PDB file of all heavy atoms in Angstrom:
ATOM      1  N   TYR A   1      97.701 103.720 100.717  1.00  0.00           N
ATOM      2  CA  TYR A   1      98.308 104.950 101.231  1.00  0.00           C
ATOM      3  C   TYR A   1      99.324 105.508 100.249  1.00  0.00           C
ATOM      4  O   TYR A   1      99.385 106.719 100.018  1.00  0.00           O
ATOM      5  CB  TYR A   1      98.986 104.692 102.583  1.00  0.00           C
ATOM      6  CG  TYR A   1      98.104 104.036 103.595  1.00  0.00           C
ATOM      7  CD1 TYR A   1      98.563 102.977 104.353  1.00  0.00           C
ATOM      8  CD2 TYR A   1      96.790 104.471 103.799  1.00  0.00           C
ATOM      9  CE1 TYR A   1      97.747 102.365 105.293  1.00  0.00           C
ATOM     10  CE2 TYR A   1      95.976 103.855 104.724  1.00  0.00           C
ATOM     11  CZ  TYR A   1      96.460 102.803 105.478  1.00  0.00           C
ATOM     12  OH  TYR A   1      95.650 102.200 106.387  1.00  0.00           O
ATOM     13  N   VAL A   2     100.140 104.617  99.668  1.00  0.00           N
ATOM     14  CA  VAL A   2     101.141 105.058  98.697  1.00  0.00           C
ATOM     15  C   VAL A   2     100.463 105.658  97.469  1.00  0.00           C
ATOM     16  O   VAL A   2     100.855 106.735  96.986  1.00  0.00           O
ATOM     17  CB  VAL A   2     102.065 103.887  98.304  1.00  0.00           C
ATOM     18  CG1 VAL A   2     102.971 104.289  97.143  1.00  0.00           C
ATOM     19  CG2 VAL A   2     102.920 103.449  99.495  1.00  0.00           C
ATOM     20  N   ASP A   3      99.438 104.992  96.974  1.00  0.00           N
ATOM     21  CA  ASP A   3      98.748 105.489  95.783  1.00  0.00           C
ATOM     22  C   ASP A   3      98.055 106.823  96.059  1.00  0.00           C
ATOM     23  O   ASP A   3      98.085 107.733  95.217  1.00  0.00           O
ATOM     24  CB  ASP A   3      97.727 104.454  95.300  1.00  0.00           C
ATOM     25  CG  ASP A   3      98.384 103.189  94.771  1.00  0.00           C
ATOM     26  OD1 ASP A   3      99.595 103.233  94.479  1.00  0.00           O
ATOM     27  OD2 ASP A   3      97.705 102.149  94.674  1.00  0.00           O
ATOM     28  N   TRP A   4      97.447 106.942  97.234  1.00  0.00           N
ATOM     29  CA  TRP A   4      96.765 108.190  97.577  1.00  0.00           C
ATOM     30  C   TRP A   4      97.766 109.329  97.744  1.00  0.00           C
ATOM     31  O   TRP A   4      97.557 110.436  97.267  1.00  0.00           O
ATOM     32  CB  TRP A   4      95.957 108.012  98.855  1.00  0.00           C
ATOM     33  CG  TRP A   4      95.071 109.187  99.167  1.00  0.00           C
ATOM     34  CD1 TRP A   4      93.804 109.420  98.711  1.00  0.00           C
ATOM     35  CD2 TRP A   4      95.405 110.307 100.004  1.00  0.00           C
ATOM     36  NE1 TRP A   4      93.309 110.604  99.210  1.00  0.00           N
ATOM     37  CE2 TRP A   4      94.274 111.182 100.007  1.00  0.00           C
ATOM     38  CE3 TRP A   4      96.523 110.668 100.756  1.00  0.00           C
ATOM     39  CZ2 TRP A   4      94.244 112.367 100.721  1.00  0.00           C
ATOM     40  CZ3 TRP A   4      96.499 111.850 101.473  1.00  0.00           C
ATOM     41  CH2 TRP A   4      95.374 112.696 101.451  1.00  0.00           C
ATOM     42  N   ARG A   5      98.903 109.027  98.397  1.00  0.00           N
ATOM     43  CA  ARG A   5      99.909 110.065  98.632  1.00  0.00           C
ATOM     44  C   ARG A   5     100.555 110.507  97.334  1.00  0.00           C
ATOM     45  O   ARG A   5     100.942 111.678  97.192  1.00  0.00           O
ATOM     46  CB  ARG A   5     100.956 109.559  99.631  1.00  0.00           C
ATOM     47  CG  ARG A   5     101.966 110.603 100.066  1.00  0.00           C
ATOM     48  CD  ARG A   5     101.276 111.818 100.676  1.00  0.00           C
ATOM     49  NE  ARG A   5     100.800 111.568 102.024  1.00  0.00           N
ATOM     50  CZ  ARG A   5      99.846 112.280 102.614  1.00  0.00           C
ATOM     51  NH1 ARG A   5      99.254 113.265 101.956  1.00  0.00           N
ATOM     52  NH2 ARG A   5      99.459 112.007 103.832  1.00  0.00           N
ATOM     53  N   ALA A   6     100.679 109.611  96.362  1.00  0.00           N
ATOM     54  CA  ALA A   6     101.244 109.993  95.057  1.00  0.00           C
ATOM     55  C   ALA A   6     100.403 111.081  94.399  1.00  0.00           C
ATOM     56  O   ALA A   6     100.924 111.947  93.683  1.00  0.00           O
ATOM     57  CB  ALA A   6     101.343 108.776  94.160  1.00  0.00           C
ATOM     58  N   LYS A   7      99.089 111.045  94.648  1.00  0.00           N
ATOM     59  CA  LYS A   7      98.193 112.046  94.082  1.00  0.00           C
ATOM     60  C   LYS A   7      97.995 113.244  95.008  1.00  0.00           C
ATOM     61  O   LYS A   7      97.524 114.299  94.564  1.00  0.00           O
ATOM     62  CB  LYS A   7      96.836 111.407  93.783  1.00  0.00           C
ATOM     63  CG  LYS A   7      96.901 110.263  92.785  1.00  0.00           C
ATOM     64  CD  LYS A   7      95.546 109.594  92.640  1.00  0.00           C
ATOM     65  CE  LYS A   7      95.615 108.397  91.706  1.00  0.00           C
ATOM     66  NZ  LYS A   7      94.310 107.678  91.630  1.00  0.00           N
ATOM     67  N   ASN A   8      98.344 113.073  96.288  1.00  0.00           N
ATOM     68  CA  ASN A   8      98.134 114.120  97.292  1.00  0.00           C
ATOM     69  C   ASN A   8      99.402 114.301  98.117  1.00  0.00           C
ATOM     70  O   ASN A   8      99.476 113.871  99.271  1.00  0.00           O
ATOM     71  CB  ASN A   8      96.962 113.763  98.204  1.00  0.00           C
ATOM     72  CG  ASN A   8      95.671 113.578  97.457  1.00  0.00           C
ATOM     73  OD1 ASN A   8      94.947 114.529  97.205  1.00  0.00           O
ATOM     74  ND2 ASN A   8      95.380 112.333  97.079  1.00  0.00           N
ATOM     75  N   PRO A   9     100.450 114.893  97.563  1.00  0.00           N
ATOM     76  CA  PRO A   9     101.720 115.034  98.281  1.00  0.00           C
ATOM     77  C   PRO A   9     101.571 115.864  99.544  1.00  0.00           C
ATOM     78  O   PRO A   9     100.701 116.735  99.640  1.00  0.00           O
ATOM     79  CB  PRO A   9     102.633 115.724  97.261  1.00  0.00           C
ATOM     80  CG  PRO A   9     101.706 116.372  96.290  1.00  0.00           C
ATOM     81  CD  PRO A   9     100.494 115.498  96.224  1.00  0.00           C
ATOM     82  N   SER A  10     102.431 115.566 100.519  1.00  0.00           N
ATOM     83  CA  SER A  10     102.387 116.272 101.800  1.00  0.00           C
ATOM     84  C   SER A  10     103.800 116.326 102.368  1.00  0.00           C
ATOM     85  O   SER A  10     104.761 115.905 101.716  1.00  0.00           O
ATOM     86  CB  SER A  10     101.434 115.553 102.762  1.00  0.00           C
ATOM     87  OG  SER A  10     101.328 116.241 103.987  1.00  0.00           O
ATOM     88  N   ASP A  11     103.921 116.822 103.583  1.00  0.00           N
ATOM     89  CA  ASP A  11     105.230 116.922 104.244  1.00  0.00           C
ATOM     90  C   ASP A  11     105.439 115.684 105.100  1.00  0.00           C
ATOM     91  O   ASP A  11     105.334 115.715 106.321  1.00  0.00           O
ATOM     92  CB  ASP A  11     105.288 118.192 105.099  1.00  0.00           C
ATOM     93  CG  ASP A  11     106.662 118.385 105.750  1.00  0.00           C
ATOM     94  OD1 ASP A  11     107.636 117.780 105.253  1.00  0.00           O
ATOM     95  OD2 ASP A  11     106.745 119.115 106.759  1.00  0.00           O
ATOM     96  N   ASP A  12     105.710 114.547 104.449  1.00  0.00           N
ATOM     97  CA  ASP A  12     105.935 113.305 105.182  1.00  0.00           C
ATOM     98  C   ASP A  12     106.957 112.453 104.426  1.00  0.00           C
ATOM     99  O   ASP A  12     107.365 112.763 103.311  1.00  0.00           O
ATOM    100  CB  ASP A  12     104.626 112.541 105.425  1.00  0.00           C
ATOM    101  CG  ASP A  12     103.875 112.218 104.139  1.00  0.00           C
ATOM    102  OD1 ASP A  12     104.536 111.965 103.121  1.00  0.00           O
ATOM    103  OD2 ASP A  12     102.636 112.236 104.153  1.00  0.00           O
ATOM    104  N   ILE A  13     107.368 111.367 105.066  1.00  0.00           N
ATOM    105  CA  ILE A  13     108.410 110.513 104.495  1.00  0.00           C
ATOM    106  C   ILE A  13     107.943 109.874 103.192  1.00  0.00           C
ATOM    107  O   ILE A  13     108.710 109.741 102.236  1.00  0.00           O
ATOM    108  CB  ILE A  13     108.818 109.425 105.517  1.00  0.00           C
ATOM    109  CG1 ILE A  13     109.581 110.065 106.678  1.00  0.00           C
ATOM    110  CG2 ILE A  13     109.680 108.355 104.853  1.00  0.00           C
ATOM    111  CD1 ILE A  13     109.931 109.090 107.776  1.00  0.00           C
ATOM    112  N   MET A  14     106.667 109.463 103.153  1.00  0.00           N
ATOM    113  CA  MET A  14     106.176 108.806 101.949  1.00  0.00           C
ATOM    114  C   MET A  14     106.312 109.714 100.728  1.00  0.00           C
ATOM    115  O   MET A  14     106.725 109.279  99.641  1.00  0.00           O
ATOM    116  CB  MET A  14     104.733 108.362 102.145  1.00  0.00           C
ATOM    117  CG  MET A  14     104.323 107.237 101.213  1.00  0.00           C
ATOM    118  SD  MET A  14     102.651 106.640 101.510  1.00  0.00           S
ATOM    119  CE  MET A  14     102.832 105.803 103.069  1.00  0.00           C
ATOM    120  N   THR A  15     105.988 110.992 100.894  1.00  0.00           N
ATOM    121  CA  THR A  15     106.123 111.938  99.788  1.00  0.00           C
ATOM    122  C   THR A  15     107.586 112.109  99.404  1.00  0.00           C
ATOM    123  O   THR A  15     107.922 112.171  98.206  1.00  0.00           O
ATOM    124  CB  THR A  15     105.519 113.297 100.181  1.00  0.00           C
ATOM    125  OG1 THR A  15     104.132 113.120 100.495  1.00  0.00           O
ATOM    126  CG2 THR A  15     105.640 114.301  99.051  1.00  0.00           C
ATOM    127  N   GLU A  16     108.467 112.180 100.409  1.00  0.00           N
ATOM    128  CA  GLU A  16     109.903 112.301 100.112  1.00  0.00           C
ATOM    129  C   GLU A  16     110.403 111.090  99.341  1.00  0.00           C
ATOM    130  O   GLU A  16     111.196 111.217  98.408  1.00  0.00           O
ATOM    131  CB  GLU A  16     110.691 112.486 101.413  1.00  0.00           C
ATOM    132  CG  GLU A  16     110.466 113.829 102.086  1.00  0.00           C
ATOM    133  CD  GLU A  16     111.556 114.153 103.094  1.00  0.00           C
ATOM    134  OE1 GLU A  16     112.740 113.970 102.781  1.00  0.00           O
ATOM    135  OE2 GLU A  16     111.201 114.589 104.208  1.00  0.00           O
ATOM    136  N   LEU A  17     109.950 109.896  99.725  1.00  0.00           N
ATOM    137  CA  LEU A  17     110.372 108.687  99.027  1.00  0.00           C
ATOM    138  C   LEU A  17     109.842 108.658  97.595  1.00  0.00           C
ATOM    139  O   LEU A  17     110.538 108.228  96.670  1.00  0.00           O
ATOM    140  CB  LEU A  17     109.896 107.443  99.778  1.00  0.00           C
ATOM    141  CG  LEU A  17     110.564 107.167 101.130  1.00  0.00           C
ATOM    142  CD1 LEU A  17     109.904 105.977 101.822  1.00  0.00           C
ATOM    143  CD2 LEU A  17     112.058 106.915 100.969  1.00  0.00           C
ATOM    144  N   LEU A  18     108.616 109.116  97.415  1.00  0.00           N
ATOM    145  CA  LEU A  18     108.033 109.149  96.075  1.00  0.00           C
ATOM    146  C   LEU A  18     108.802 110.072  95.126  1.00  0.00           C
ATOM    147  O   LEU A  18     108.890 109.818  93.922  1.00  0.00           O
ATOM    148  CB  LEU A  18     106.573 109.587  96.152  1.00  0.00           C
ATOM    149  CG  LEU A  18     105.573 108.532  96.661  1.00  0.00           C
ATOM    150  CD1 LEU A  18     104.276 109.204  97.113  1.00  0.00           C
ATOM    151  CD2 LEU A  18     105.297 107.506  95.569  1.00  0.00           C
ATOM    152  N   ASN A  19     109.374 111.140  95.675  1.00  0.00           N
ATOM    153  CA  ASN A  19     110.050 112.142  94.850  1.00  0.00           C
ATOM    154  C   ASN A  19     111.564 111.999  94.812  1.00  0.00           C
ATOM    155  O   ASN A  19     112.235 112.680  94.031  1.00  0.00           O
ATOM    156  CB  ASN A  19     109.694 113.546  95.353  1.00  0.00           C
ATOM    157  CG  ASN A  19     108.216 113.860  95.171  1.00  0.00           C
ATOM    158  OD1 ASN A  19     107.611 113.440  94.192  1.00  0.00           O
ATOM    159  ND2 ASN A  19     107.645 114.592  96.110  1.00  0.00           N
ATOM    160  N   ALA A  20     112.109 111.149  95.657  1.00  0.00           N
ATOM    161  CA  ALA A  20     113.569 111.042  95.764  1.00  0.00           C
ATOM    162  C   ALA A  20     114.181 110.474  94.487  1.00  0.00           C
ATOM    163  O   ALA A  20     113.681 109.497  93.922  1.00  0.00           O
ATOM    164  CB  ALA A  20     113.936 110.158  96.950  1.00  0.00           C
ATOM    165  N   GLU A  21     115.257 111.090  94.035  1.00  0.00           N
ATOM    166  CA  GLU A  21     116.019 110.578  92.905  1.00  0.00           C
ATOM    167  C   GLU A  21     117.370 110.080  93.417  1.00  0.00           C
ATOM    168  O   GLU A  21     117.971 110.682  94.302  1.00  0.00           O
ATOM    169  CB  GLU A  21     116.225 111.658  91.845  1.00  0.00           C
ATOM    170  CG  GLU A  21     114.942 112.056  91.116  1.00  0.00           C
ATOM    171  CD  GLU A  21     115.223 112.950  89.925  1.00  0.00           C
ATOM    172  OE1 GLU A  21     116.398 113.301  89.717  1.00  0.00           O
ATOM    173  OE2 GLU A  21     114.266 113.284  89.201  1.00  0.00           O
ATOM    174  N   PHE A  22     117.840 108.983  92.838  1.00  0.00           N
ATOM    175  CA  PHE A  22     119.104 108.407  93.299  1.00  0.00           C
ATOM    176  C   PHE A  22     119.727 107.617  92.155  1.00  0.00           C
ATOM    177  O   PHE A  22     119.075 107.319  91.156  1.00  0.00           O
ATOM    178  CB  PHE A  22     118.874 107.504  94.514  1.00  0.00           C
ATOM    179  CG  PHE A  22     118.104 106.239  94.196  1.00  0.00           C
ATOM    180  CD1 PHE A  22     118.752 105.023  94.071  1.00  0.00           C
ATOM    181  CD2 PHE A  22     116.724 106.275  94.006  1.00  0.00           C
ATOM    182  CE1 PHE A  22     118.053 103.860  93.772  1.00  0.00           C
ATOM    183  CE2 PHE A  22     116.012 105.118  93.715  1.00  0.00           C
ATOM    184  CZ  PHE A  22     116.675 103.909  93.599  1.00  0.00           C
ATOM    185  N   THR A  23     120.997 107.283  92.324  1.00  0.00           N
ATOM    186  CA  THR A  23     121.701 106.452  91.357  1.00  0.00           C
ATOM    187  C   THR A  23     121.746 105.040  91.898  1.00  0.00           C
ATOM    188  O   THR A  23     122.296 104.793  92.979  1.00  0.00           O
ATOM    189  CB  THR A  23     123.120 106.978  91.114  1.00  0.00           C
ATOM    190  OG1 THR A  23     123.047 108.332  90.664  1.00  0.00           O
ATOM    191  CG2 THR A  23     123.845 106.123  90.095  1.00  0.00           C
ATOM    192  N   ASP A  24     121.155 104.083  91.185  1.00  0.00           N
ATOM    193  CA  ASP A  24     121.076 102.723  91.704  1.00  0.00           C
ATOM    194  C   ASP A  24     122.369 101.950  91.451  1.00  0.00           C
ATOM    195  O   ASP A  24     123.363 102.514  90.936  1.00  0.00           O
ATOM    196  CB  ASP A  24     119.851 101.987  91.155  1.00  0.00           C
ATOM    197  CG  ASP A  24     119.942 101.691  89.660  1.00  0.00           C
ATOM    198  OD1 ASP A  24     121.036 101.775  89.074  1.00  0.00           O
ATOM    199  OD2 ASP A  24     118.889 101.355  89.064  1.00  0.00           O
ATOM    200  N   GLU A  25     122.352 100.652  91.804  1.00  0.00           N
ATOM    201  CA  GLU A  25     123.572  99.851  91.736  1.00  0.00           C
ATOM    202  C   GLU A  25     124.047  99.617  90.314  1.00  0.00           C
ATOM    203  O   GLU A  25     125.201  99.209  90.091  1.00  0.00           O
ATOM    204  CB  GLU A  25     123.348  98.507  92.455  1.00  0.00           C
ATOM    205  CG  GLU A  25     122.365  97.563  91.770  1.00  0.00           C
ATOM    206  CD  GLU A  25     120.910  97.871  92.102  1.00  0.00           C
ATOM    207  OE1 GLU A  25     120.611  98.983  92.619  1.00  0.00           O
ATOM    208  OE2 GLU A  25     120.065  97.000  91.835  1.00  0.00           O
ATOM    209  N   THR A  26     123.194  99.899  89.308  1.00  0.00           N
ATOM    210  CA  THR A  26     123.603  99.749  87.905  1.00  0.00           C
ATOM    211  C   THR A  26     124.131 101.058  87.321  1.00  0.00           C
ATOM    212  O   THR A  26     124.519 101.102  86.159  1.00  0.00           O
ATOM    213  CB  THR A  26     122.412  99.280  87.038  1.00  0.00           C
ATOM    214  OG1 THR A  26     121.440 100.338  86.953  1.00  0.00           O
ATOM    215  CG2 THR A  26     121.763  98.038  87.632  1.00  0.00           C
ATOM    216  N   GLY A  27     124.109 102.134  88.128  1.00  0.00           N
ATOM    217  CA  GLY A  27     124.531 103.439  87.651  1.00  0.00           C
ATOM    218  C   GLY A  27     123.424 104.250  87.019  1.00  0.00           C
ATOM    219  O   GLY A  27     123.667 105.340  86.480  1.00  0.00           O
ATOM    220  N   THR A  28     122.185 103.737  87.091  1.00  0.00           N
ATOM    221  CA  THR A  28     121.034 104.426  86.502  1.00  0.00           C
ATOM    222  C   THR A  28     120.459 105.449  87.472  1.00  0.00           C
ATOM    223  O   THR A  28     120.254 105.141  88.651  1.00  0.00           O
ATOM    224  CB  THR A  28     119.935 103.413  86.124  1.00  0.00           C
ATOM    225  OG1 THR A  28     120.484 102.435  85.239  1.00  0.00           O
ATOM    226  CG2 THR A  28     118.753 104.112  85.465  1.00  0.00           C
ATOM    227  N   ARG A  29     120.215 106.652  86.969  1.00  0.00           N
ATOM    228  CA  ARG A  29     119.571 107.679  87.778  1.00  0.00           C
ATOM    229  C   ARG A  29     118.057 107.496  87.681  1.00  0.00           C
ATOM    230  O   ARG A  29     117.494 107.512  86.573  1.00  0.00           O
ATOM    231  CB  ARG A  29     119.962 109.070  87.273  1.00  0.00           C
ATOM    232  CG  ARG A  29     119.516 110.231  88.165  1.00  0.00           C
ATOM    233  CD  ARG A  29     120.324 110.291  89.423  1.00  0.00           C
ATOM    234  NE  ARG A  29     119.897 111.395  90.294  1.00  0.00           N
ATOM    235  CZ  ARG A  29     120.339 111.553  91.540  1.00  0.00           C
ATOM    236  NH1 ARG A  29     121.217 110.697  92.043  1.00  0.00           N
ATOM    237  NH2 ARG A  29     119.922 112.566  92.274  1.00  0.00           N
ATOM    238  N   ARG A  30     117.375 107.320  88.811  1.00  0.00           N
ATOM    239  CA  ARG A  30     115.943 107.031  88.761  1.00  0.00           C
ATOM    240  C   ARG A  30     115.281 107.326  90.110  1.00  0.00           C
ATOM    241  O   ARG A  30     115.944 107.731  91.065  1.00  0.00           O
ATOM    242  CB  ARG A  30     115.704 105.563  88.409  1.00  0.00           C
ATOM    243  CG  ARG A  30     116.208 104.556  89.462  1.00  0.00           C
ATOM    244  CD  ARG A  30     115.889 103.132  89.023  1.00  0.00           C
ATOM    245  NE  ARG A  30     116.350 102.121  89.967  1.00  0.00           N
ATOM    246  CZ  ARG A  30     115.628 101.664  90.998  1.00  0.00           C
ATOM    247  NH1 ARG A  30     114.426 102.167  91.241  1.00  0.00           N
ATOM    248  NH2 ARG A  30     116.117 100.718  91.784  1.00  0.00           N
ATOM    249  N   ARG A  31     113.964 107.103  90.141  1.00  0.00           N
ATOM    250  CA  ARG A  31     113.211 107.155  91.391  1.00  0.00           C
ATOM    251  C   ARG A  31     112.896 105.729  91.848  1.00  0.00           C
ATOM    252  O   ARG A  31     113.015 104.773  91.073  1.00  0.00           O
ATOM    253  CB  ARG A  31     111.906 107.945  91.200  1.00  0.00           C
ATOM    254  CG  ARG A  31     112.125 109.429  90.947  1.00  0.00           C
ATOM    255  CD  ARG A  31     110.798 110.177  90.874  1.00  0.00           C
ATOM    256  NE  ARG A  31     111.014 111.615  90.712  1.00  0.00           N
ATOM    257  CZ  ARG A  31     110.033 112.509  90.675  1.00  0.00           C
ATOM    258  NH1 ARG A  31     108.761 112.114  90.784  1.00  0.00           N
ATOM    259  NH2 ARG A  31     110.301 113.788  90.521  1.00  0.00           N
ATOM    260  N   LEU A  32     112.486 105.602  93.103  1.00  0.00           N
ATOM    261  CA  LEU A  32     112.084 104.299  93.614  1.00  0.00           C
ATOM    262  C   LEU A  32     110.842 103.801  92.883  1.00  0.00           C
ATOM    263  O   LEU A  32     109.956 104.581  92.537  1.00  0.00           O
ATOM    264  CB  LEU A  32     111.767 104.391  95.114  1.00  0.00           C
ATOM    265  CG  LEU A  32     112.942 104.629  96.057  1.00  0.00           C
ATOM    266  CD1 LEU A  32     112.426 105.007  97.443  1.00  0.00           C
ATOM    267  CD2 LEU A  32     113.840 103.399  96.146  1.00  0.00           C
ATOM    268  N   THR A  33     110.800 102.498  92.655  1.00  0.00           N
ATOM    269  CA  THR A  33     109.591 101.907  92.097  1.00  0.00           C
ATOM    270  C   THR A  33     108.516 101.843  93.182  1.00  0.00           C
ATOM    271  O   THR A  33     108.791 101.963  94.381  1.00  0.00           O
ATOM    272  CB  THR A  33     109.855 100.488  91.578  1.00  0.00           C
ATOM    273  OG1 THR A  33     110.156  99.634  92.692  1.00  0.00           O
ATOM    274  CG2 THR A  33     111.011 100.469  90.586  1.00  0.00           C
ATOM    275  N   ARG A  34     107.284 101.630  92.733  1.00  0.00           N
ATOM    276  CA  ARG A  34     106.186 101.513  93.692  1.00  0.00           C
ATOM    277  C   ARG A  34     106.432 100.352  94.654  1.00  0.00           C
ATOM    278  O   ARG A  34     106.193 100.472  95.867  1.00  0.00           O
ATOM    279  CB  ARG A  34     104.874 101.298  92.931  1.00  0.00           C
ATOM    280  CG  ARG A  34     103.618 101.178  93.797  1.00  0.00           C
ATOM    281  CD  ARG A  34     102.395 101.138  92.877  1.00  0.00           C
ATOM    282  NE  ARG A  34     101.150 101.013  93.609  1.00  0.00           N
ATOM    283  CZ  ARG A  34     100.601  99.840  93.949  1.00  0.00           C
ATOM    284  NH1 ARG A  34     101.225  98.721  93.647  1.00  0.00           N
ATOM    285  NH2 ARG A  34      99.445  99.802  94.607  1.00  0.00           N
ATOM    286  N   ASP A  35     106.905  99.209  94.147  1.00  0.00           N
ATOM    287  CA  ASP A  35     107.166  98.059  95.021  1.00  0.00           C
ATOM    288  C   ASP A  35     108.256  98.375  96.039  1.00  0.00           C
ATOM    289  O   ASP A  35     108.173  97.956  97.204  1.00  0.00           O
ATOM    290  CB  ASP A  35     107.575  96.844  94.187  1.00  0.00           C
ATOM    291  CG  ASP A  35     106.398  96.220  93.455  1.00  0.00           C
ATOM    292  OD1 ASP A  35     105.241  96.549  93.802  1.00  0.00           O
ATOM    293  OD2 ASP A  35     106.636  95.406  92.535  1.00  0.00           O
ATOM    294  N   GLU A  36     109.297  99.082  95.616  1.00  0.00           N
ATOM    295  CA  GLU A  36     110.359  99.453  96.548  1.00  0.00           C
ATOM    296  C   GLU A  36     109.831 100.356  97.654  1.00  0.00           C
ATOM    297  O   GLU A  36     110.185 100.192  98.829  1.00  0.00           O
ATOM    298  CB  GLU A  36     111.505 100.142  95.798  1.00  0.00           C
ATOM    299  CG  GLU A  36     112.341  99.193  94.953  1.00  0.00           C
ATOM    300  CD  GLU A  36     113.354  99.918  94.088  1.00  0.00           C
ATOM    301  OE1 GLU A  36     113.078 101.071  93.662  1.00  0.00           O
ATOM    302  OE2 GLU A  36     114.420  99.353  93.823  1.00  0.00           O
ATOM    303  N   ILE A  37     108.996 101.307  97.303  1.00  0.00           N
ATOM    304  CA  ILE A  37     108.429 102.208  98.309  1.00  0.00           C
ATOM    305  C   ILE A  37     107.551 101.439  99.287  1.00  0.00           C
ATOM    306  O   ILE A  37     107.602 101.655 100.506  1.00  0.00           O
ATOM    307  CB  ILE A  37     107.632 103.340  97.635  1.00  0.00           C
ATOM    308  CG1 ILE A  37     108.588 104.269  96.883  1.00  0.00           C
ATOM    309  CG2 ILE A  37     106.824 104.135  98.670  1.00  0.00           C
ATOM    310  CD1 ILE A  37     107.908 105.323  96.055  1.00  0.00           C
ATOM    311  N   LEU A  38     106.757 100.491  98.774  1.00  0.00           N
ATOM    312  CA  LEU A  38     105.917  99.679  99.649  1.00  0.00           C
ATOM    313  C   LEU A  38     106.752  98.918 100.667  1.00  0.00           C
ATOM    314  O   LEU A  38     106.411  98.835 101.853  1.00  0.00           O
ATOM    315  CB  LEU A  38     105.091  98.696  98.814  1.00  0.00           C
ATOM    316  CG  LEU A  38     103.899  99.270  98.054  1.00  0.00           C
ATOM    317  CD1 LEU A  38     103.341  98.244  97.075  1.00  0.00           C
ATOM    318  CD2 LEU A  38     102.818  99.712  99.037  1.00  0.00           C
ATOM    319  N   ILE A  39     107.872  98.368 100.218  1.00  0.00           N
ATOM    320  CA  ILE A  39     108.745  97.624 101.127  1.00  0.00           C
ATOM    321  C   ILE A  39     109.398  98.572 102.137  1.00  0.00           C
ATOM    322  O   ILE A  39     109.454  98.273 103.338  1.00  0.00           O
ATOM    323  CB  ILE A  39     109.802  96.836 100.332  1.00  0.00           C
ATOM    324  CG1 ILE A  39     109.121  95.713  99.540  1.00  0.00           C
ATOM    325  CG2 ILE A  39     110.871  96.274 101.254  1.00  0.00           C
ATOM    326  CD1 ILE A  39     110.011  95.040  98.523  1.00  0.00           C
ATOM    327  N   PHE A  40     109.899  99.705 101.686  1.00  0.00           N
ATOM    328  CA  PHE A  40     110.497 100.693 102.588  1.00  0.00           C
ATOM    329  C   PHE A  40     109.515 101.050 103.699  1.00  0.00           C
ATOM    330  O   PHE A  40     109.856 101.056 104.896  1.00  0.00           O
ATOM    331  CB  PHE A  40     110.847 101.971 101.809  1.00  0.00           C
ATOM    332  CG  PHE A  40     112.255 102.026 101.299  1.00  0.00           C
ATOM    333  CD1 PHE A  40     112.820 100.949 100.655  1.00  0.00           C
ATOM    334  CD2 PHE A  40     113.016 103.185 101.451  1.00  0.00           C
ATOM    335  CE1 PHE A  40     114.119 101.015 100.170  1.00  0.00           C
ATOM    336  CE2 PHE A  40     114.314 103.257 100.979  1.00  0.00           C
ATOM    337  CZ  PHE A  40     114.867 102.167 100.326  1.00  0.00           C
TER     338      PHE A  40
END
């Protein structure tokens, strides 16, 4: 589902998580990894 949604974005939480940018605990600006999204 995650892999399919990455190629077919929609109006759902999975798409928002795939596109979300944030500053992690190391101070790095990035997006969630695939493994992190799977766990979420």
